[in-house]
Every structure is written in structure tokens, then in C-alpha cells.
Amino acid sequence: MIAFEVNDMSCGHCVGAITEALKAVDRDARVEIDLAQHRVQVESGSAGAEQLAEAIRGAGYSPVPVAPAAGPAAAGGGSCCGCRR
């Protein structure tokens, strides 16, 4: 998973524009966008981080590479809330 912080993403239109730009690079990419956290995560089988970042820049936004967000298993013991049940 490749992740970016995109602080100049502020609305649903931004989400759509970024998703469209990323899908143009890899139509099979799995794109997850958290607008509130300004985070874009992409799982791509054919595009690398720089190619994806360039697509986001081409759509008019400023991506900053970040470590991907941890999933439930990484939060601690496989629990969704990290309580280690």
C-alpha cells in the first residue's frame, strides 16, 4: 500500500479528481481516501509511488509520501480497537 498526505484536498470534488487521476495510471488500483485525515492510500499492481504521486500532482494537488495507516491487525492483537482481546 502506498500512502500520501494531501492537505490541499478539501471536498468530494477533490476526492473524485484524485481517484480519477490514479485510475488513469492504473485502472485496477484500489484507492482509499480519507478526506478528514487528508490521506490517500493506493494499492497498485503496476504503478510505483512516484508515478502515483505524479498523477496526483497532475490533478492539481500536493501529495506528500507517508507510511500507510495500520489496519486492525496492526493496531494490537488483531482487535479493531487495539484492546488486545
N, C-alpha and C. Protein backbone atom coordinates (compact mmCIF):
# COMPACT_ATOMS: atom_id res chain seq x y z
N MET A 1 0.86 -1.17 0.00
CA MET A 1 0.00 0.00 0.00
C MET A 1 0.90 1.23 0.00
N ILE A 2 0.61 2.16 -0.87
CA ILE A 2 1.35 3.42 -0.98
C ILE A 2 0.44 4.52 -0.45
N ALA A 3 0.95 5.36 0.43
CA ALA A 3 0.11 6.37 1.07
C ALA A 3 0.69 7.77 0.90
N PHE A 4 -0.22 8.72 0.81
CA PHE A 4 0.14 10.13 0.68
C PHE A 4 -0.74 10.96 1.60
N GLU A 5 -0.18 12.04 2.09
CA GLU A 5 -0.96 13.08 2.76
C GLU A 5 -1.17 14.16 1.71
N VAL A 6 -2.42 14.55 1.53
CA VAL A 6 -2.76 15.55 0.52
C VAL A 6 -3.56 16.64 1.23
N ASN A 7 -2.86 17.60 1.81
CA ASN A 7 -3.51 18.62 2.64
C ASN A 7 -4.36 19.60 1.85
N ASP A 8 -4.14 19.72 0.54
CA ASP A 8 -4.96 20.64 -0.24
C ASP A 8 -6.19 19.95 -0.83
N MET A 9 -6.51 18.76 -0.38
CA MET A 9 -7.73 18.04 -0.74
C MET A 9 -8.79 18.43 0.30
N SER A 10 -9.91 19.02 -0.15
CA SER A 10 -10.84 19.57 0.83
C SER A 10 -12.31 19.21 0.63
N CYS A 11 -12.66 18.51 -0.45
CA CYS A 11 -14.07 18.23 -0.67
C CYS A 11 -14.24 16.98 -1.53
N GLY A 12 -15.49 16.62 -1.76
CA GLY A 12 -15.79 15.46 -2.59
C GLY A 12 -15.28 15.59 -4.01
N HIS A 13 -15.28 16.80 -4.54
CA HIS A 13 -14.74 17.01 -5.89
C HIS A 13 -13.26 16.64 -5.92
N CYS A 14 -12.52 17.02 -4.88
CA CYS A 14 -11.10 16.69 -4.78
C CYS A 14 -10.91 15.17 -4.77
N VAL A 15 -11.72 14.49 -3.98
CA VAL A 15 -11.65 13.04 -3.88
C VAL A 15 -11.87 12.42 -5.26
N GLY A 16 -12.87 12.89 -5.97
CA GLY A 16 -13.16 12.37 -7.30
C GLY A 16 -12.04 12.64 -8.29
N ALA A 17 -11.48 13.83 -8.25
CA ALA A 17 -10.41 14.19 -9.17
C ALA A 17 -9.16 13.35 -8.92
N ILE A 18 -8.83 13.14 -7.65
CA ILE A 18 -7.65 12.33 -7.31
C ILE A 18 -7.88 10.87 -7.68
N THR A 19 -9.06 10.35 -7.39
CA THR A 19 -9.38 8.97 -7.74
C THR A 19 -9.28 8.77 -9.24
N GLU A 20 -9.85 9.68 -9.99
CA GLU A 20 -9.82 9.59 -11.46
C GLU A 20 -8.38 9.63 -11.98
N ALA A 21 -7.56 10.50 -11.42
CA ALA A 21 -6.16 10.61 -11.85
C ALA A 21 -5.40 9.32 -11.56
N LEU A 22 -5.64 8.74 -10.40
CA LEU A 22 -4.96 7.50 -10.03
C LEU A 22 -5.43 6.33 -10.89
N LYS A 23 -6.72 6.27 -11.17
CA LYS A 23 -7.27 5.20 -12.01
C LYS A 23 -6.78 5.32 -13.45
N ALA A 24 -6.43 6.53 -13.88
CA ALA A 24 -5.89 6.70 -15.22
C ALA A 24 -4.50 6.07 -15.34
N VAL A 25 -3.78 6.02 -14.22
CA VAL A 25 -2.45 5.41 -14.19
C VAL A 25 -2.57 3.89 -14.06
N ASP A 26 -3.50 3.43 -13.22
CA ASP A 26 -3.72 2.01 -13.01
C ASP A 26 -5.21 1.79 -12.75
N ARG A 27 -5.94 1.38 -13.78
CA ARG A 27 -7.39 1.26 -13.66
C ARG A 27 -7.81 0.22 -12.64
N ASP A 28 -6.92 -0.72 -12.31
CA ASP A 28 -7.24 -1.76 -11.34
C ASP A 28 -6.77 -1.42 -9.93
N ALA A 29 -6.22 -0.23 -9.75
CA ALA A 29 -5.73 0.16 -8.43
C ALA A 29 -6.88 0.24 -7.43
N ARG A 30 -6.58 -0.12 -6.20
CA ARG A 30 -7.55 0.06 -5.11
C ARG A 30 -7.20 1.38 -4.43
N VAL A 31 -8.11 2.32 -4.49
CA VAL A 31 -7.88 3.66 -3.96
C VAL A 31 -8.77 3.86 -2.73
N GLU A 32 -8.16 4.26 -1.61
CA GLU A 32 -8.89 4.57 -0.39
C GLU A 32 -8.54 6.00 0.00
N ILE A 33 -9.55 6.83 0.17
CA ILE A 33 -9.31 8.23 0.51
C ILE A 33 -10.07 8.59 1.78
N ASP A 34 -9.35 9.13 2.74
CA ASP A 34 -9.94 9.62 3.99
C ASP A 34 -9.85 11.14 3.93
N LEU A 35 -10.94 11.78 3.55
CA LEU A 35 -10.95 13.23 3.37
C LEU A 35 -10.65 13.97 4.67
N ALA A 36 -11.19 13.51 5.77
CA ALA A 36 -10.99 14.18 7.06
C ALA A 36 -9.53 14.15 7.49
N GLN A 37 -8.83 13.07 7.16
CA GLN A 37 -7.42 12.94 7.53
C GLN A 37 -6.48 13.39 6.41
N HIS A 38 -7.05 13.77 5.26
CA HIS A 38 -6.27 14.17 4.09
C HIS A 38 -5.32 13.06 3.65
N ARG A 39 -5.78 11.83 3.71
CA ARG A 39 -4.93 10.68 3.41
C ARG A 39 -5.45 9.95 2.19
N VAL A 40 -4.53 9.62 1.29
CA VAL A 40 -4.83 8.83 0.10
C VAL A 40 -3.96 7.58 0.16
N GLN A 41 -4.58 6.42 0.07
CA GLN A 41 -3.86 5.16 0.05
C GLN A 41 -4.19 4.42 -1.23
N VAL A 42 -3.16 3.88 -1.85
CA VAL A 42 -3.33 3.21 -3.13
C VAL A 42 -2.63 1.87 -3.11
N GLU A 43 -3.34 0.86 -3.55
CA GLU A 43 -2.73 -0.45 -3.78
C GLU A 43 -2.72 -0.66 -5.28
N SER A 44 -1.53 -0.63 -5.85
CA SER A 44 -1.40 -0.72 -7.30
C SER A 44 -0.48 -1.87 -7.66
N GLY A 45 -0.87 -2.60 -8.67
CA GLY A 45 -0.04 -3.70 -9.14
C GLY A 45 0.93 -3.27 -10.22
N SER A 46 0.72 -2.09 -10.80
CA SER A 46 1.55 -1.71 -11.93
C SER A 46 2.22 -0.35 -11.81
N ALA A 47 1.84 0.46 -10.83
CA ALA A 47 2.41 1.81 -10.72
C ALA A 47 3.17 1.95 -9.41
N GLY A 48 4.28 2.66 -9.46
CA GLY A 48 5.07 2.91 -8.28
C GLY A 48 4.67 4.21 -7.61
N ALA A 49 5.28 4.47 -6.46
CA ALA A 49 4.93 5.65 -5.66
C ALA A 49 5.13 6.95 -6.44
N GLU A 50 6.21 7.07 -7.15
CA GLU A 50 6.47 8.33 -7.88
C GLU A 50 5.47 8.53 -9.01
N GLN A 51 5.11 7.46 -9.69
CA GLN A 51 4.12 7.56 -10.76
C GLN A 51 2.75 7.95 -10.20
N LEU A 52 2.40 7.41 -9.06
CA LEU A 52 1.12 7.76 -8.42
C LEU A 52 1.15 9.20 -7.92
N ALA A 53 2.26 9.61 -7.32
CA ALA A 53 2.40 10.99 -6.85
C ALA A 53 2.30 11.96 -8.02
N GLU A 54 2.90 11.61 -9.13
CA GLU A 54 2.84 12.48 -10.32
C GLU A 54 1.40 12.60 -10.83
N ALA A 55 0.64 11.53 -10.76
CA ALA A 55 -0.77 11.58 -11.17
C ALA A 55 -1.55 12.54 -10.27
N ILE A 56 -1.29 12.48 -8.96
CA ILE A 56 -1.97 13.37 -8.02
C ILE A 56 -1.56 14.82 -8.29
N ARG A 57 -0.27 15.05 -8.51
CA ARG A 57 0.21 16.41 -8.85
C ARG A 57 -0.43 16.90 -10.15
N GLY A 58 -0.57 16.00 -11.13
CA GLY A 58 -1.18 16.35 -12.40
C GLY A 58 -2.64 16.76 -12.26
N ALA A 59 -3.29 16.26 -11.21
CA ALA A 59 -4.68 16.63 -10.94
C ALA A 59 -4.77 17.95 -10.19
N GLY A 60 -3.60 18.51 -9.81
CA GLY A 60 -3.58 19.82 -9.16
C GLY A 60 -3.39 19.80 -7.66
N TYR A 61 -2.92 18.67 -7.11
CA TYR A 61 -2.77 18.54 -5.66
C TYR A 61 -1.32 18.29 -5.29
N SER A 62 -1.03 18.38 -4.00
CA SER A 62 0.35 18.28 -3.50
C SER A 62 0.51 17.07 -2.57
N PRO A 63 0.82 15.90 -3.14
CA PRO A 63 0.97 14.71 -2.30
C PRO A 63 2.30 14.68 -1.56
N VAL A 64 2.26 14.23 -0.31
CA VAL A 64 3.45 14.03 0.50
C VAL A 64 3.45 12.56 0.91
N PRO A 65 4.49 11.80 0.54
CA PRO A 65 4.52 10.39 0.91
C PRO A 65 4.52 10.20 2.43
N VAL A 66 3.75 9.22 2.90
CA VAL A 66 3.70 8.87 4.33
C VAL A 66 3.64 7.36 4.46
N ALA A 67 3.87 6.86 5.67
CA ALA A 67 3.72 5.44 5.94
C ALA A 67 2.24 5.09 5.88
N PRO A 68 1.89 3.96 5.32
CA PRO A 68 0.48 3.57 5.26
C PRO A 68 -0.12 3.44 6.65
N ALA A 69 -1.40 3.71 6.77
CA ALA A 69 -2.11 3.57 8.05
C ALA A 69 -2.16 2.11 8.43
N ALA A 70 -2.07 1.86 9.71
CA ALA A 70 -2.13 0.48 10.21
C ALA A 70 -3.55 -0.04 10.18
N GLY A 71 -3.70 -1.28 9.80
CA GLY A 71 -5.01 -1.92 9.79
C GLY A 71 -5.33 -2.47 11.16
N PRO A 72 -6.48 -3.09 11.32
CA PRO A 72 -6.89 -3.63 12.62
C PRO A 72 -5.88 -4.59 13.23
N ALA A 73 -5.29 -5.47 12.42
CA ALA A 73 -4.34 -6.43 12.97
C ALA A 73 -3.10 -5.73 13.51
N ALA A 74 -2.69 -4.64 12.90
CA ALA A 74 -1.52 -3.91 13.35
C ALA A 74 -1.81 -3.04 14.57
N ALA A 75 -3.07 -2.78 14.85
CA ALA A 75 -3.44 -1.92 15.97
C ALA A 75 -3.16 -2.59 17.31
N GLY A 76 -3.02 -3.89 17.30
CA GLY A 76 -2.70 -4.58 18.55
C GLY A 76 -3.53 -5.83 18.73
N GLY A 77 -2.92 -6.96 18.54
CA GLY A 77 -3.56 -8.21 18.83
C GLY A 77 -4.71 -8.60 17.93
N GLY A 78 -4.89 -7.95 16.80
CA GLY A 78 -5.93 -8.31 15.87
C GLY A 78 -7.28 -7.73 16.17
N SER A 79 -7.41 -6.96 17.23
CA SER A 79 -8.68 -6.33 17.57
C SER A 79 -8.81 -5.01 16.83
N CYS A 80 -10.01 -4.65 16.45
CA CYS A 80 -10.22 -3.42 15.71
C CYS A 80 -9.91 -2.18 16.54
N CYS A 81 -10.02 -2.28 17.86
CA CYS A 81 -9.81 -1.11 18.70
C CYS A 81 -8.48 -1.16 19.44
N GLY A 82 -7.70 -2.21 19.28
CA GLY A 82 -6.40 -2.31 19.91
C GLY A 82 -6.43 -2.76 21.36
N CYS A 83 -7.55 -3.32 21.83
CA CYS A 83 -7.65 -3.71 23.24
C CYS A 83 -6.96 -5.03 23.54
N ARG A 84 -6.43 -5.70 22.55
CA ARG A 84 -5.69 -6.96 22.69
C ARG A 84 -6.53 -8.12 23.23
N ARG A 85 -7.81 -8.14 22.82
CA ARG A 85 -8.66 -9.26 23.24
C ARG A 85 -8.21 -10.53 22.59
